[in-house]
Amino acid sequence: MNSEFVQHALSNGEEGEAWLKRIPDIITDYQKKWKLKVSPPFNLSYNYVAPTKRLDGSEAVLKIGFPKDKEFQTEIAALEVFNGQGIEKLLEEDRENAVILIERVTPGVPLSSLDDDEKATRILAEIMRRLWKPLPKNHHFITVEEWMQAIPEYMEKYNGATSLIPISLVEKANSLFKELIATSSAPVLVHGDLHHDNVLSSHRDGWLAIDPKGIAAEPAYETAAMIRNPYEKLKDLPHIDQILRRRILILSEELGFDPERIRKWCFAQSVLSGVWNDAGVKGSEHAINIATALDTLNV
């Protein structure tokens, strides 16, 4: 297990430490329960994720989450609703113990490897159309309004003090979130983190999404995560405004959304991403660079 995964587990205190120690036993239990042969894990971050083979020889992925991680529970619920349409299939689940078996998407080449940015943007738009589903009655998916509360909290935290993120951008994002939420169309279930590295090539059905957050939002919100990705390809590019404009216009054409509304969602969510990662990390700096470009972009 790599150090990043261990550190994230230990951030949950004694319960996280105990969970970390239980993982070998959990693997053994579910190998028997679901008749699996579990291989060494992938590169880990928050969840324990490992390739497996089922009794019939088919490939799958065993994913073990920290039992008190609400986001992991939401992922399970989202996979149930999406039902394998445009996304990896949920094969087995044990919500109480936060263990799932999901389809292994093969060959699994990430969309970020595609050099044709226009083609990649159109593929993402196609997946969006395939994914979105009506929200179940009495659902517990988080809303955009709940997510954006990090913005006013950030403003209160840095009230008059120097912050890594220009407070003018944060204030504008706060106003835009209020405007967009107040004028939103009916919410649906969206992926919530749909970008190039969360889309893989598949033998089953073209390109498929993985790792949904599961958010209740108007469909246009879904465009926001992809706009600043893939990080490695965008971070040093000159004339980033041209790429952002082209992406927004393609998304508008493919999805029928007002390009200015897409720009506003992308700006506001990029600032929110920076706020979430307010520690000087590369992701935060990049998100704010993208937000700054979007702030003055004419579409």
Protein backbone atom coordinates (compact mmCIF):
# COMPACT_ATOMS: atom_id res chain seq x y z
CA MET A 1 0.00 0.00 0.00
CA ASN A 2 1.43 3.35 -0.98
CA SER A 3 2.04 6.19 1.45
CA GLU A 4 -0.72 8.43 0.05
CA PHE A 5 -3.35 5.76 0.67
CA VAL A 6 -2.04 5.07 4.18
CA GLN A 7 -2.02 8.78 5.06
CA HIS A 8 -5.60 9.22 3.85
CA ALA A 9 -6.71 6.21 5.89
CA LEU A 10 -4.95 7.44 9.02
CA SER A 11 -6.61 10.85 8.64
CA ASN A 12 -9.74 9.08 9.95
CA GLY A 13 -8.02 8.53 13.30
CA GLU A 14 -8.16 5.26 15.20
CA GLU A 15 -11.06 4.02 13.08
CA GLY A 16 -9.04 4.61 9.93
CA GLU A 17 -6.07 2.78 11.39
CA ALA A 18 -8.26 -0.16 12.35
CA TRP A 19 -9.83 -0.23 8.87
CA LEU A 20 -6.38 -0.23 7.29
CA LYS A 21 -5.40 -3.28 9.34
CA ARG A 22 -8.63 -5.08 8.41
CA ILE A 23 -8.19 -4.77 4.65
CA PRO A 24 -6.36 -8.12 4.19
CA ASP A 25 -9.18 -9.88 6.07
CA ILE A 26 -11.83 -8.00 4.05
CA ILE A 27 -10.16 -9.15 0.82
CA THR A 28 -10.13 -12.76 2.07
CA ASP A 29 -13.81 -12.57 3.08
CA TYR A 30 -14.98 -11.25 -0.28
CA GLN A 31 -12.80 -13.61 -2.27
CA LYS A 32 -14.86 -16.36 -0.65
CA LYS A 33 -18.21 -14.56 -0.68
CA TRP A 34 -18.10 -13.46 -4.33
CA LYS A 35 -15.76 -16.23 -5.56
CA LEU A 36 -12.93 -13.97 -6.66
CA LYS A 37 -9.22 -14.12 -7.20
CA VAL A 38 -7.88 -10.73 -6.14
CA SER A 39 -4.60 -9.43 -7.58
CA PRO A 40 -2.29 -6.74 -6.11
CA PRO A 41 -3.94 -3.30 -6.01
CA PHE A 42 -3.75 -0.45 -8.47
CA ASN A 43 -2.02 2.78 -7.43
CA LEU A 44 -4.14 3.75 -4.43
CA SER A 45 -5.39 7.08 -3.12
CA TYR A 46 -8.55 7.06 -0.96
CA ASN A 47 -10.07 3.61 -1.59
CA TYR A 48 -8.53 0.17 -1.85
CA VAL A 49 -8.96 -0.83 -5.50
CA ALA A 50 -7.66 -4.08 -7.01
CA PRO A 51 -8.19 -6.08 -10.21
CA THR A 52 -9.91 -9.44 -9.77
CA LYS A 53 -11.07 -12.45 -11.72
CA ARG A 54 -14.49 -13.98 -11.17
CA LEU A 55 -15.31 -17.68 -11.17
CA ASP A 56 -16.31 -17.52 -14.84
CA GLY A 57 -12.94 -16.00 -15.77
CA SER A 58 -14.28 -12.49 -16.38
CA GLU A 59 -12.35 -9.52 -15.08
CA ALA A 60 -13.69 -7.14 -12.46
CA VAL A 61 -12.47 -4.65 -9.86
CA LEU A 62 -12.83 -4.97 -6.09
CA LYS A 63 -13.24 -1.60 -4.40
CA ILE A 64 -13.16 -1.18 -0.63
CA GLY A 65 -14.07 2.13 0.95
CA PHE A 66 -13.84 3.48 4.48
CA PRO A 67 -17.25 2.51 5.95
CA LYS A 68 -18.06 6.04 7.17
CA ASP A 69 -17.16 7.68 3.86
CA LYS A 70 -20.44 9.24 2.64
CA GLU A 71 -18.95 9.83 -0.80
CA PHE A 72 -18.35 6.10 -1.26
CA GLN A 73 -21.98 5.36 -0.37
CA THR A 74 -23.10 7.98 -2.88
CA GLU A 75 -20.93 6.36 -5.55
CA ILE A 76 -22.71 3.05 -4.97
CA ALA A 77 -26.12 4.72 -5.22
CA ALA A 78 -25.12 6.55 -8.41
CA LEU A 79 -23.84 3.36 -10.05
CA GLU A 80 -27.18 1.72 -9.27
CA VAL A 81 -29.14 4.52 -10.93
CA PHE A 82 -26.82 4.82 -13.96
CA ASN A 83 -27.13 1.05 -14.42
CA GLY A 84 -24.12 0.64 -16.69
CA GLN A 85 -25.32 3.11 -19.33
CA GLY A 86 -22.28 5.14 -20.31
CA ILE A 87 -20.47 4.00 -17.18
CA GLU A 88 -18.89 0.97 -15.51
CA LYS A 89 -21.36 -1.64 -14.24
CA LEU A 90 -21.97 -2.35 -10.56
CA LEU A 91 -21.72 -6.16 -10.24
CA GLU A 92 -21.94 -6.77 -6.49
CA GLU A 93 -22.37 -4.54 -3.46
CA ASP A 94 -22.25 -4.58 0.32
CA ARG A 95 -23.15 -1.08 1.43
CA GLU A 96 -22.87 -1.76 5.14
CA ASN A 97 -19.22 -2.74 4.81
CA ALA A 98 -18.50 -0.37 1.89
CA VAL A 99 -17.34 -3.08 -0.51
CA ILE A 100 -18.31 -3.27 -4.18
CA LEU A 101 -17.39 -5.27 -7.23
CA ILE A 102 -17.47 -3.30 -10.46
CA GLU A 103 -16.84 -3.99 -14.11
CA ARG A 104 -13.23 -3.73 -15.21
CA VAL A 105 -13.30 -1.41 -18.20
CA THR A 106 -10.95 -2.81 -20.82
CA PRO A 107 -8.73 -2.00 -22.60
CA GLY A 108 -9.09 0.98 -20.27
CA VAL A 109 -7.13 3.62 -22.18
CA PRO A 110 -7.98 7.01 -20.60
CA LEU A 111 -9.54 9.69 -22.78
CA SER A 112 -6.72 11.98 -21.65
CA SER A 113 -4.42 10.03 -24.00
CA LEU A 114 -6.36 11.34 -27.00
CA ASP A 115 -4.52 14.25 -28.62
CA ASP A 116 -7.53 15.48 -30.64
CA ASP A 117 -9.13 17.88 -28.16
CA GLU A 118 -12.24 18.48 -30.27
CA LYS A 119 -12.88 14.75 -30.56
CA ALA A 120 -12.34 14.25 -26.82
CA THR A 121 -14.80 17.06 -26.04
CA ARG A 122 -17.46 15.51 -28.28
CA ILE A 123 -16.91 12.11 -26.63
CA LEU A 124 -17.44 13.69 -23.21
CA ALA A 125 -20.64 15.34 -24.42
CA GLU A 126 -21.90 12.00 -25.74
CA ILE A 127 -21.22 10.33 -22.38
CA MET A 128 -23.06 13.13 -20.59
CA ARG A 129 -26.15 12.51 -22.71
CA ARG A 130 -26.00 8.78 -21.99
CA LEU A 131 -25.45 9.19 -18.26
CA TRP A 132 -28.03 11.66 -16.99
CA LYS A 133 -30.95 10.03 -15.21
CA PRO A 134 -34.02 11.25 -13.30
CA LEU A 135 -33.42 11.50 -9.58
CA PRO A 136 -35.04 8.74 -7.50
CA LYS A 137 -37.75 9.79 -5.07
CA ASN A 138 -36.46 10.60 -1.58
CA HIS A 139 -32.87 10.47 -2.81
CA HIS A 140 -29.87 11.42 -0.67
CA PHE A 141 -27.57 12.73 -3.40
CA ILE A 142 -25.78 15.95 -2.51
CA THR A 143 -26.91 19.08 -4.36
CA VAL A 144 -24.82 21.77 -6.00
CA GLU A 145 -26.22 24.23 -3.46
CA GLU A 146 -24.77 22.11 -0.64
CA TRP A 147 -21.44 21.76 -2.44
CA MET A 148 -21.07 25.49 -3.02
CA GLN A 149 -21.31 26.28 0.70
CA ALA A 150 -17.52 25.94 0.75
CA ILE A 151 -17.40 29.29 -1.07
CA PRO A 152 -19.03 31.51 1.62
CA GLU A 153 -17.13 29.53 4.25
CA TYR A 154 -13.88 30.42 2.48
CA MET A 155 -14.92 34.08 2.33
CA GLU A 156 -15.62 34.07 6.06
CA LYS A 157 -12.34 32.29 6.81
CA TYR A 158 -10.27 34.90 4.94
CA ASN A 159 -12.38 37.91 5.86
CA GLY A 160 -9.92 40.74 5.18
CA ALA A 161 -6.92 38.42 5.29
CA THR A 162 -4.59 37.41 2.46
CA SER A 163 -5.67 34.21 0.72
CA LEU A 164 -4.11 32.02 -1.94
CA ILE A 165 -7.15 32.54 -4.15
CA PRO A 166 -7.97 36.14 -5.11
CA ILE A 167 -11.00 37.00 -3.00
CA SER A 168 -12.52 38.89 -5.93
CA LEU A 169 -12.77 35.60 -7.84
CA VAL A 170 -14.33 33.88 -4.83
CA GLU A 171 -16.91 36.65 -4.43
CA LYS A 172 -17.80 36.48 -8.12
CA ALA A 173 -18.12 32.69 -7.95
CA ASN A 174 -20.39 33.04 -4.92
CA SER A 175 -22.69 35.43 -6.81
CA LEU A 176 -22.69 33.24 -9.90
CA PHE A 177 -23.56 30.11 -7.94
CA LYS A 178 -26.56 31.89 -6.45
CA GLU A 179 -27.65 33.13 -9.88
CA LEU A 180 -27.21 29.75 -11.57
CA ILE A 181 -28.94 27.77 -8.83
CA ALA A 182 -31.88 30.21 -8.79
CA THR A 183 -32.34 29.85 -12.56
CA SER A 184 -31.53 26.14 -12.89
CA SER A 185 -33.62 23.70 -14.86
CA ALA A 186 -34.94 20.60 -13.07
CA PRO A 187 -32.07 18.69 -11.45
CA VAL A 188 -31.06 15.21 -12.62
CA LEU A 189 -28.43 12.77 -11.44
CA VAL A 190 -25.09 13.78 -12.97
CA HIS A 191 -21.66 12.20 -12.62
CA GLY A 192 -20.23 15.23 -10.82
CA ASP A 193 -16.57 14.66 -11.75
CA LEU A 194 -16.69 13.81 -15.44
CA HIS A 195 -13.35 14.56 -17.06
CA HIS A 196 -10.80 12.95 -19.36
CA ASP A 197 -9.14 10.71 -16.73
CA ASN A 198 -12.51 9.40 -15.57
CA VAL A 199 -13.39 8.11 -19.05
CA LEU A 200 -11.86 4.87 -20.36
CA SER A 201 -12.04 2.96 -23.63
CA SER A 202 -14.11 -0.20 -23.44
CA HIS A 203 -14.78 -3.28 -25.53
CA ARG A 204 -18.36 -3.29 -24.23
CA ASP A 205 -19.66 0.09 -25.27
CA GLY A 206 -17.14 2.55 -26.67
CA TRP A 207 -16.02 5.03 -24.03
CA LEU A 208 -17.27 4.59 -20.45
CA ALA A 209 -17.13 6.79 -17.36
CA ILE A 210 -15.81 5.61 -13.99
CA ASP A 211 -15.82 6.89 -10.40
CA PRO A 212 -19.05 8.92 -10.24
CA LYS A 213 -19.62 11.36 -7.40
CA GLY A 214 -23.39 11.32 -7.92
CA ILE A 215 -24.69 14.92 -7.75
CA ALA A 216 -28.17 16.38 -8.07
CA ALA A 217 -27.77 19.26 -10.52
CA GLU A 218 -29.07 20.71 -13.74
CA PRO A 219 -27.41 18.97 -16.71
CA ALA A 220 -25.35 22.02 -17.73
CA TYR A 221 -23.40 21.75 -14.46
CA GLU A 222 -21.78 18.54 -15.74
CA THR A 223 -19.67 20.51 -18.23
CA ALA A 224 -17.64 22.13 -15.44
CA ALA A 225 -15.25 19.35 -14.42
CA MET A 226 -13.83 18.64 -17.88
CA ILE A 227 -13.01 22.26 -18.68
CA ARG A 228 -9.75 22.31 -16.67
CA ASN A 229 -8.62 18.79 -17.57
CA PRO A 230 -6.43 16.96 -18.32
CA TYR A 231 -4.10 18.91 -16.05
CA GLU A 232 -0.84 17.67 -17.57
CA LYS A 233 -1.87 18.75 -21.07
CA LEU A 234 -3.34 22.13 -20.17
CA LYS A 235 -1.05 23.46 -17.45
CA ASP A 236 1.65 24.92 -19.72
CA LEU A 237 -0.31 25.65 -22.87
CA PRO A 238 -0.25 29.20 -24.29
CA HIS A 239 -3.52 30.75 -25.45
CA ILE A 240 -5.56 28.60 -23.08
CA ASP A 241 -8.51 30.91 -23.68
CA GLN A 242 -8.79 29.64 -27.25
CA ILE A 243 -9.03 26.03 -26.08
CA LEU A 244 -11.59 26.92 -23.41
CA ARG A 245 -13.73 28.84 -25.91
CA ARG A 246 -13.61 26.02 -28.45
CA ARG A 247 -14.61 23.46 -25.81
CA ILE A 248 -17.53 25.57 -24.61
CA LEU A 249 -18.83 26.10 -28.14
CA ILE A 250 -18.58 22.37 -28.90
CA LEU A 251 -20.43 21.51 -25.68
CA SER A 252 -23.08 24.09 -26.52
CA GLU A 253 -23.50 22.62 -30.00
CA GLU A 254 -23.63 19.01 -28.77
CA LEU A 255 -25.84 19.55 -25.71
CA GLY A 256 -27.96 22.54 -26.68
CA PHE A 257 -26.97 24.68 -23.68
CA ASP A 258 -26.35 28.43 -23.81
CA PRO A 259 -22.55 28.85 -24.09
CA GLU A 260 -22.58 31.72 -21.61
CA ARG A 261 -24.31 29.52 -19.04
CA ILE A 262 -21.69 26.82 -19.61
CA ARG A 263 -18.94 29.43 -19.13
CA LYS A 264 -20.50 30.60 -15.86
CA TRP A 265 -20.79 27.06 -14.47
CA CYS A 266 -17.22 26.30 -15.51
CA PHE A 267 -15.91 29.48 -13.89
CA ALA A 268 -17.81 29.02 -10.62
CA GLN A 269 -16.91 25.34 -10.30
CA SER A 270 -13.24 26.00 -11.10
CA VAL A 271 -13.11 28.48 -8.22
CA LEU A 272 -14.86 25.93 -6.00
CA SER A 273 -12.23 23.35 -6.95
CA GLY A 274 -9.52 25.81 -5.96
CA VAL A 275 -11.25 26.41 -2.63
CA TRP A 276 -11.50 22.68 -1.94
CA ASN A 277 -7.74 22.36 -2.51
CA ASP A 278 -6.70 25.53 -0.71
CA ALA A 279 -3.23 24.38 0.27
CA GLY A 280 -1.07 25.68 -2.53
CA VAL A 281 -1.24 22.33 -4.30
CA LYS A 282 -0.87 22.18 -8.07
CA GLY A 283 -4.56 21.33 -8.56
CA SER A 284 -5.67 24.48 -6.76
CA GLU A 285 -3.29 26.76 -8.66
CA HIS A 286 -4.33 25.26 -11.99
CA ALA A 287 -8.04 25.58 -11.17
CA ILE A 288 -7.61 29.25 -10.38
CA ASN A 289 -5.60 29.82 -13.58
CA ILE A 290 -8.48 28.30 -15.54
CA ALA A 291 -11.04 30.36 -13.59
CA THR A 292 -9.09 33.53 -14.31
CA ALA A 293 -9.12 32.76 -18.03
CA LEU A 294 -12.83 31.93 -17.96
CA ASP A 295 -13.65 35.11 -16.06
CA THR A 296 -12.92 37.33 -19.06
CA LEU A 297 -13.70 34.84 -21.82
CA ASN A 298 -16.13 35.92 -24.53
CA VAL A 299 -18.21 33.09 -25.95
